[in-house]
């Protein structure tokens, strides 16, 4: 399953029929992580030791966004 942060591009996962869940906050992220194989993060979500310990199936972490100076 793919976990997608609110605001990250997600429309194409519907088109490809990929199982995914959109999370709106850190609590929803924690609930989704045990089944996550990939995650697309935005800056409002944090992925630290506690989160990684829950994500036993996780293979891919993507950080969506742009950098501003």
Protein backbone atom coordinates (compact mmCIF):
# COMPACT_ATOMS: atom_id res chain seq x y z
CA UNK A 1 0.00 0.00 0.00
CA UNK A 2 1.12 3.54 -0.76
CA UNK A 3 0.68 6.26 1.89
CA UNK A 4 0.28 9.77 0.48
CA UNK A 5 0.41 13.01 2.47
CA UNK A 6 -2.47 15.43 1.92
CA UNK A 7 -1.50 17.85 -0.83
CA UNK A 8 0.89 15.49 -2.59
CA UNK A 9 0.00 14.47 -6.14
CA UNK A 10 -2.32 11.47 -5.95
CA UNK A 11 -4.71 11.50 -8.92
CA UNK A 12 -2.59 9.15 -11.02
CA UNK A 13 -2.72 6.42 -8.37
CA UNK A 14 -6.49 6.25 -8.88
CA UNK A 15 -5.91 5.86 -12.61
CA UNK A 16 -3.35 3.07 -12.12
CA UNK A 17 -5.52 1.23 -9.57
CA UNK A 18 -2.79 1.29 -6.90
CA UNK A 19 -3.99 0.74 -3.33
CA UNK A 20 -3.31 3.96 -1.45
CA UNK A 21 -4.44 6.05 1.50
CA UNK A 22 -4.23 9.82 1.93
CA UNK A 23 -3.25 10.94 5.44
CA UNK A 24 -4.05 14.36 6.89
CA UNK A 25 -1.99 14.36 10.08
CA UNK A 26 0.64 12.51 12.10
CA UNK A 27 -1.94 10.25 13.85
CA UNK A 28 -3.31 9.01 10.52
CA UNK A 29 0.25 8.43 9.36
CA UNK A 30 0.99 6.27 12.41
CA UNK A 31 -2.17 4.24 11.75
CA UNK A 32 -1.26 3.66 8.09
CA UNK A 33 2.45 2.82 8.46
CA UNK A 34 2.20 -0.89 9.41
CA UNK A 35 0.81 -1.65 5.92
CA UNK A 36 2.85 0.91 3.98
CA UNK A 37 5.30 -0.23 1.31
CA UNK A 38 5.92 3.31 0.05
CA UNK A 39 5.18 6.79 1.33
CA UNK A 40 5.02 10.24 -0.24
CA UNK A 41 5.69 12.82 2.50
CA UNK A 42 5.08 16.56 2.74
CA UNK A 43 6.78 18.82 5.27
CA UNK A 44 3.91 18.73 7.79
CA UNK A 45 4.52 15.00 8.40
CA UNK A 46 7.55 13.77 10.32
CA UNK A 47 9.18 10.40 9.79
CA UNK A 48 11.46 9.60 12.73
CA UNK A 49 12.52 6.52 14.70
CA UNK A 50 9.01 5.83 16.10
CA UNK A 51 7.45 5.97 12.64
CA UNK A 52 10.14 3.85 11.00
CA UNK A 53 9.80 1.19 13.71
CA UNK A 54 6.11 0.84 12.76
CA UNK A 55 6.83 0.63 9.03
CA UNK A 56 8.20 -2.92 8.73
CA UNK A 57 7.13 -3.27 5.06
CA UNK A 58 8.40 0.17 3.96
CA UNK A 59 10.67 0.09 0.90
CA UNK A 60 10.46 3.61 -0.51
CA UNK A 61 10.26 7.12 0.98
CA UNK A 62 9.56 10.09 -1.32
CA UNK A 63 9.64 13.72 -0.19
CA UNK A 64 7.27 15.82 -2.33
CA UNK A 65 7.83 19.54 -2.45
CA UNK A 66 10.20 22.22 -3.62
CA UNK A 67 13.00 23.94 -1.84
CA UNK A 68 12.90 27.69 -1.36
CA UNK A 69 15.84 29.85 -0.38
